[in-house]
C-alpha atoms as a PDB file:
ATOM      1  CA  MET A   1      82.514  13.187 -58.639  1.00  0.00           C
ATOM      2  CA  SER A   2      83.529  15.338 -55.655  1.00  0.00           C
ATOM      3  CA  LYS A   3      79.876  15.272 -54.550  1.00  0.00           C
ATOM      4  CA  THR A   4      79.998  11.474 -54.592  1.00  0.00           C
ATOM      5  CA  SER A   5      83.230  11.496 -52.600  1.00  0.00           C
ATOM      6  CA  GLN A   6      81.695  13.753 -49.938  1.00  0.00           C
ATOM      7  CA  GLN A   7      78.495  11.705 -49.785  1.00  0.00           C
ATOM      8  CA  TYR A   8      80.527   8.499 -49.562  1.00  0.00           C
ATOM      9  CA  ASP A   9      82.543   9.900 -46.648  1.00  0.00           C
ATOM     10  CA  GLN A  10      79.352  10.941 -44.844  1.00  0.00           C
ATOM     11  CA  VAL A  11      77.841   7.460 -45.205  1.00  0.00           C
ATOM     12  CA  ILE A  12      81.057   5.847 -43.922  1.00  0.00           C
ATOM     13  CA  LYS A  13      81.074   8.297 -40.999  1.00  0.00           C
ATOM     14  CA  THR A  14      77.511   7.324 -40.064  1.00  0.00           C
ATOM     15  CA  CYS A  15      78.235   3.587 -40.396  1.00  0.00           C
ATOM     16  CA  SER A  16      81.595   3.693 -38.608  1.00  0.00           C
ATOM     17  CA  GLU A  17      80.098   5.646 -35.695  1.00  0.00           C
ATOM     18  CA  LEU A  18      77.511   2.900 -35.228  1.00  0.00           C
ATOM     19  CA  PHE A  19      80.247   0.254 -35.550  1.00  0.00           C
ATOM     20  CA  GLU A  20      82.276   2.046 -32.862  1.00  0.00           C
ATOM     21  CA  LYS A  21      79.274   2.302 -30.507  1.00  0.00           C
ATOM     22  CA  LYS A  22      78.537  -1.406 -30.951  1.00  0.00           C
ATOM     23  CA  MET A  23      82.206  -2.190 -30.275  1.00  0.00           C
ATOM     24  CA  LYS A  24      81.875  -0.304 -26.985  1.00  0.00           C
ATOM     25  CA  ASP A  25      78.726  -2.274 -26.114  1.00  0.00           C
ATOM     26  CA  TYR A  26      79.734  -5.755 -27.308  1.00  0.00           C
ATOM     27  CA  GLY A  27      83.471  -5.708 -27.867  1.00  0.00           C
ATOM     28  CA  SER A  28      84.795  -7.673 -30.810  1.00  0.00           C
ATOM     29  CA  ALA A  29      82.558 -10.707 -30.260  1.00  0.00           C
ATOM     30  CA  TRP A  30      82.114 -10.742 -34.060  1.00  0.00           C
ATOM     31  CA  ARG A  31      85.729 -11.937 -34.383  1.00  0.00           C
ATOM     32  CA  ILE A  32      84.566 -15.528 -33.781  1.00  0.00           C
ATOM     33  CA  LEU A  33      82.250 -15.486 -36.825  1.00  0.00           C
ATOM     34  CA  ARG A  34      83.300 -17.614 -39.769  1.00  0.00           C
ATOM     35  CA  LEU A  35      82.819 -16.176 -43.245  1.00  0.00           C
ATOM     36  CA  PRO A  36      79.734 -18.274 -44.094  1.00  0.00           C
ATOM     37  CA  SER A  37      78.074 -16.945 -40.931  1.00  0.00           C
ATOM     38  CA  LEU A  38      78.798 -13.378 -41.995  1.00  0.00           C
ATOM     39  CA  THR A  39      77.568 -14.102 -45.516  1.00  0.00           C
ATOM     40  CA  ASP A  40      74.340 -15.499 -44.083  1.00  0.00           C
ATOM     41  CA  GLN A  41      73.900 -12.484 -41.786  1.00  0.00           C
ATOM     42  CA  ILE A  42      74.239 -10.118 -44.751  1.00  0.00           C
ATOM     43  CA  PHE A  43      71.891 -12.361 -46.778  1.00  0.00           C
ATOM     44  CA  ILE A  44      69.194 -12.112 -44.082  1.00  0.00           C
ATOM     45  CA  LYS A  45      69.427  -8.315 -44.128  1.00  0.00           C
ATOM     46  CA  ALA A  46      69.275  -8.135 -47.928  1.00  0.00           C
ATOM     47  CA  GLN A  47      66.329 -10.556 -48.032  1.00  0.00           C
ATOM     48  CA  ARG A  48      64.466  -8.418 -45.486  1.00  0.00           C
ATOM     49  CA  ILE A  49      65.062  -5.310 -47.597  1.00  0.00           C
ATOM     50  CA  ARG A  50      63.776  -7.105 -50.693  1.00  0.00           C
ATOM     51  CA  SER A  51      60.719  -8.328 -48.795  1.00  0.00           C
ATOM     52  CA  ILE A  52      59.919  -4.788 -47.645  1.00  0.00           C
ATOM     53  CA  GLU A  53      60.487  -3.453 -51.166  1.00  0.00           C
ATOM     54  CA  ASN A  54      58.181  -6.114 -52.653  1.00  0.00           C
ATOM     55  CA  ASN A  55      55.443  -5.966 -50.023  1.00  0.00           C
ATOM     56  CA  GLY A  56      55.608  -2.331 -48.960  1.00  0.00           C
ATOM     57  CA  ILE A  57      54.985  -3.493 -45.398  1.00  0.00           C
ATOM     58  CA  GLN A  58      57.283  -3.991 -42.459  1.00  0.00           C
ATOM     59  CA  ARG A  59      56.346  -5.233 -38.998  1.00  0.00           C
ATOM     60  CA  VAL A  60      59.660  -4.523 -37.284  1.00  0.00           C
ATOM     61  CA  ASP A  61      60.457  -0.894 -36.545  1.00  0.00           C
ATOM     62  CA  GLU A  62      63.994  -0.979 -37.959  1.00  0.00           C
ATOM     63  CA  GLY A  63      63.770   0.186 -41.563  1.00  0.00           C
ATOM     64  CA  VAL A  64      65.582  -0.380 -44.832  1.00  0.00           C
ATOM     65  CA  TYR A  65      68.150   2.352 -44.109  1.00  0.00           C
ATOM     66  CA  ALA A  66      69.326   0.541 -40.962  1.00  0.00           C
ATOM     67  CA  GLU A  67      69.521  -2.750 -42.868  1.00  0.00           C
ATOM     68  CA  PHE A  68      71.798  -1.214 -45.520  1.00  0.00           C
ATOM     69  CA  ILE A  69      74.021   0.081 -42.715  1.00  0.00           C
ATOM     70  CA  GLY A  70      74.117  -3.489 -41.397  1.00  0.00           C
ATOM     71  CA  ILE A  71      75.051  -4.833 -44.831  1.00  0.00           C
ATOM     72  CA  LEU A  72      77.870  -2.310 -45.112  1.00  0.00           C
ATOM     73  CA  ASN A  73      79.202  -2.965 -41.618  1.00  0.00           C
ATOM     74  CA  TYR A  74      79.012  -6.751 -41.879  1.00  0.00           C
ATOM     75  CA  SER A  75      80.722  -6.610 -45.295  1.00  0.00           C
ATOM     76  CA  ILE A  76      83.606  -4.658 -43.773  1.00  0.00           C
ATOM     77  CA  ILE A  77      83.697  -7.119 -40.872  1.00  0.00           C
ATOM     78  CA  ALA A  78      83.952  -9.925 -43.457  1.00  0.00           C
ATOM     79  CA  LEU A  79      86.894  -8.157 -45.104  1.00  0.00           C
ATOM     80  CA  ILE A  80      88.556  -7.859 -41.689  1.00  0.00           C
ATOM     81  CA  GLN A  81      87.970 -11.571 -41.072  1.00  0.00           C
ATOM     82  CA  LEU A  82      89.451 -12.429 -44.475  1.00  0.00           C
ATOM     83  CA  ASP A  83      92.511 -10.373 -43.586  1.00  0.00           C
ATOM     84  CA  LYS A  84      93.019 -11.417 -39.963  1.00  0.00           C
ATOM     85  CA  GLY A  85      91.420 -14.843 -39.913  1.00  0.00           C
ATOM     86  CA  VAL A  86      88.759 -15.980 -37.481  1.00  0.00           C
ATOM     87  CA  ALA A  87      89.633 -15.668 -33.795  1.00  0.00           C
ATOM     88  CA  GLU A  88      88.675 -18.094 -31.038  1.00  0.00           C
ATOM     89  CA  GLN A  89      87.946 -15.201 -28.669  1.00  0.00           C
ATOM     90  CA  PRO A  90      87.362 -11.469 -29.080  1.00  0.00           C
ATOM     91  CA  ASP A  91      90.841 -10.050 -29.596  1.00  0.00           C
ATOM     92  CA  LEU A  92      90.504  -6.466 -30.811  1.00  0.00           C
ATOM     93  CA  ASN A  93      89.916  -3.362 -28.753  1.00  0.00           C
ATOM     94  CA  VAL A  94      87.833  -0.473 -30.078  1.00  0.00           C
ATOM     95  CA  ALA A  95      90.815   1.413 -31.541  1.00  0.00           C
ATOM     96  CA  GLN A  96      92.229  -1.663 -33.306  1.00  0.00           C
ATOM     97  CA  ALA A  97      88.864  -2.647 -34.748  1.00  0.00           C
ATOM     98  CA  LEU A  98      88.137   0.895 -35.911  1.00  0.00           C
ATOM     99  CA  GLU A  99      91.567   1.128 -37.543  1.00  0.00           C
ATOM    100  CA  SER A 100      90.880  -2.068 -39.502  1.00  0.00           C
ATOM    101  CA  TYR A 101      87.375  -0.854 -40.342  1.00  0.00           C
ATOM    102  CA  MET A 102      88.669   2.446 -41.724  1.00  0.00           C
ATOM    103  CA  HIS A 103      91.390   0.649 -43.715  1.00  0.00           C
ATOM    104  CA  PHE A 104      88.783  -1.409 -45.584  1.00  0.00           C
ATOM    105  CA  ALA A 105      86.424   1.554 -45.915  1.00  0.00           C
ATOM    106  CA  LYS A 106      89.284   3.470 -47.578  1.00  0.00           C
ATOM    107  CA  GLU A 107      90.038   0.558 -49.927  1.00  0.00           C
ATOM    108  CA  SER A 108      86.331   0.301 -50.787  1.00  0.00           C
ATOM    109  CA  LYS A 109      86.209   4.000 -51.601  1.00  0.00           C
ATOM    110  CA  GLU A 110      89.293   3.756 -53.823  1.00  0.00           C
ATOM    111  CA  LEU A 111      87.644   0.899 -55.734  1.00  0.00           C
ATOM    112  CA  MET A 112      84.420   2.903 -56.029  1.00  0.00           C
ATOM    113  CA  GLU A 113      86.296   5.925 -57.391  1.00  0.00           C
ATOM    114  CA  ALA A 114      88.036   3.812 -60.043  1.00  0.00           C
ATOM    115  CA  LYS A 115      84.814   2.108 -61.122  1.00  0.00           C
ATOM    116  CA  ASN A 116      82.827   5.342 -60.887  1.00  0.00           C
ATOM    117  CA  HIS A 117      85.283   6.946 -63.295  1.00  0.00           C
ATOM    118  CA  ASP A 118      84.837   4.134 -65.812  1.00  0.00           C
ATOM    119  CA  TYR A 119      81.052   3.783 -65.417  1.00  0.00           C
ATOM    120  CA  GLY A 120      80.331   7.522 -65.270  1.00  0.00           C
ATOM    121  CA  GLU A 121      78.316   7.420 -62.048  1.00  0.00           C
ATOM    122  CA  ALA A 122      75.697   5.145 -63.630  1.00  0.00           C
ATOM    123  CA  TRP A 123      74.609   4.113 -60.117  1.00  0.00           C
ATOM    124  CA  ARG A 124      72.895   7.497 -59.719  1.00  0.00           C
ATOM    125  CA  GLU A 125      70.289   6.384 -62.288  1.00  0.00           C
ATOM    126  CA  MET A 126      69.722   3.036 -60.573  1.00  0.00           C
ATOM    127  CA  ARG A 127      66.838   2.207 -58.274  1.00  0.00           C
ATOM    128  CA  VAL A 128      67.489   1.162 -54.687  1.00  0.00           C
ATOM    129  CA  SER A 129      65.699  -2.111 -55.471  1.00  0.00           C
ATOM    130  CA  SER A 130      68.283  -2.842 -58.201  1.00  0.00           C
ATOM    131  CA  LEU A 131      71.090  -2.258 -55.688  1.00  0.00           C
ATOM    132  CA  THR A 132      69.338  -4.701 -53.353  1.00  0.00           C
ATOM    133  CA  ASP A 133      69.214  -7.284 -56.148  1.00  0.00           C
ATOM    134  CA  LEU A 134      72.902  -6.777 -56.955  1.00  0.00           C
ATOM    135  CA  ILE A 135      73.801  -7.301 -53.293  1.00  0.00           C
ATOM    136  CA  LEU A 136      71.750 -10.515 -53.264  1.00  0.00           C
ATOM    137  CA  GLN A 137      73.472 -11.663 -56.453  1.00  0.00           C
ATOM    138  CA  LYS A 138      76.891 -10.994 -54.885  1.00  0.00           C
ATOM    139  CA  LEU A 139      75.821 -12.971 -51.809  1.00  0.00           C
ATOM    140  CA  LEU A 140      74.773 -15.940 -53.910  1.00  0.00           C
ATOM    141  CA  ARG A 141      78.141 -15.793 -55.666  1.00  0.00           C
ATOM    142  CA  VAL A 142      79.958 -15.702 -52.321  1.00  0.00           C
ATOM    143  CA  LYS A 143      77.922 -18.661 -51.063  1.00  0.00           C
ATOM    144  CA  GLN A 144      78.879 -20.633 -54.177  1.00  0.00           C
ATOM    145  CA  ILE A 145      82.562 -19.765 -53.752  1.00  0.00           C
ATOM    146  CA  GLU A 146      82.355 -20.752 -50.079  1.00  0.00           C
ATOM    147  CA  ASP A 147      80.720 -24.050 -51.073  1.00  0.00           C
ATOM    148  CA  ASN A 148      83.609 -24.545 -53.531  1.00  0.00           C
ATOM    149  CA  LYS A 149      86.079 -24.104 -50.645  1.00  0.00           C
ATOM    150  CA  GLY A 150      87.197 -20.723 -52.016  1.00  0.00           C
ATOM    151  CA  LYS A 151      88.215 -22.035 -55.424  1.00  0.00           C
ATOM    152  CA  THR A 152      87.206 -20.220 -58.602  1.00  0.00           C
ATOM    153  CA  VAL A 153      88.035 -20.924 -62.220  1.00  0.00           C
ATOM    154  CA  VAL A 154      87.921 -17.427 -63.727  1.00  0.00           C
ATOM    155  CA  SER A 155      86.002 -15.310 -61.236  1.00  0.00           C
ATOM    156  CA  GLU A 156      87.056 -12.730 -58.693  1.00  0.00           C
ATOM    157  CA  GLY A 157      87.503 -13.940 -55.153  1.00  0.00           C
ATOM    158  CA  ILE A 158      85.259 -13.477 -52.170  1.00  0.00           C
ATOM    159  CA  ASP A 159      86.895 -10.200 -51.171  1.00  0.00           C
ATOM    160  CA  ALA A 160      85.915  -8.480 -54.447  1.00  0.00           C
ATOM    161  CA  ASN A 161      82.290  -9.381 -53.806  1.00  0.00           C
ATOM    162  CA  TYR A 162      82.380  -7.953 -50.266  1.00  0.00           C
ATOM    163  CA  TYR A 163      83.952  -4.728 -51.577  1.00  0.00           C
ATOM    164  CA  ASP A 164      81.152  -4.462 -54.136  1.00  0.00           C
ATOM    165  CA  MET A 165      78.538  -5.012 -51.425  1.00  0.00           C
ATOM    166  CA  VAL A 166      80.060  -2.191 -49.378  1.00  0.00           C
ATOM    167  CA  ASN A 167      79.826   0.111 -52.365  1.00  0.00           C
ATOM    168  CA  TYR A 168      76.298  -0.926 -53.366  1.00  0.00           C
ATOM    169  CA  ALA A 169      75.180  -0.321 -49.779  1.00  0.00           C
ATOM    170  CA  VAL A 170      76.803   3.137 -49.836  1.00  0.00           C
ATOM    171  CA  PHE A 171      74.977   3.942 -53.070  1.00  0.00           C
ATOM    172  CA  ALA A 172      71.651   2.766 -51.609  1.00  0.00           C
ATOM    173  CA  LEU A 173      72.193   4.838 -48.460  1.00  0.00           C
ATOM    174  CA  ILE A 174      72.991   7.929 -50.557  1.00  0.00           C
ATOM    175  CA  HIS A 175      69.793   7.374 -52.569  1.00  0.00           C
ATOM    176  CA  LEU A 176      67.736   6.888 -49.398  1.00  0.00           C
ATOM    177  CA  GLU A 177      69.170  10.062 -47.866  1.00  0.00           C
ATOM    178  CA  ASN A 178      68.188  12.010 -50.978  1.00  0.00           C
ATOM    179  CA  GLN A 179      64.577  10.760 -50.939  1.00  0.00           C
END
């Protein structure tokens, strides 16, 4: 599992570096996004990945790898929004946003390590397309919870689904790096 931990850290490093660069370019404009908007943004990325996987053709230069990075980063942004609430104006500087980002990346990794222990690294035998499908399933669950105004009867909340999407995206990125 130490290999997984190292690979996980490398993926987070790659994704957080892009997040930091985009913060420098755009600031924290994403702070105004409501959760359904973030869910829809992640959904668009996952749908594009599935379309490329099904058709084997893409017309836009940005590939599947970049889309999984987007899914991971937007999922962490959603966790930040759940924690801080939606802002009316950008209100975080680069250091503050990166600190929040790394907090949720650390929590995601801790969850992954606990589940990885129990599941015995089963994700290593999964196909990237299955990880895409699981992300889409999580998104549909989140949309339903959002439509239910956040209420669930027996299910985990929205945050658990975003954490899972972070981890599924990490797994997909590790697989793609190894191909």
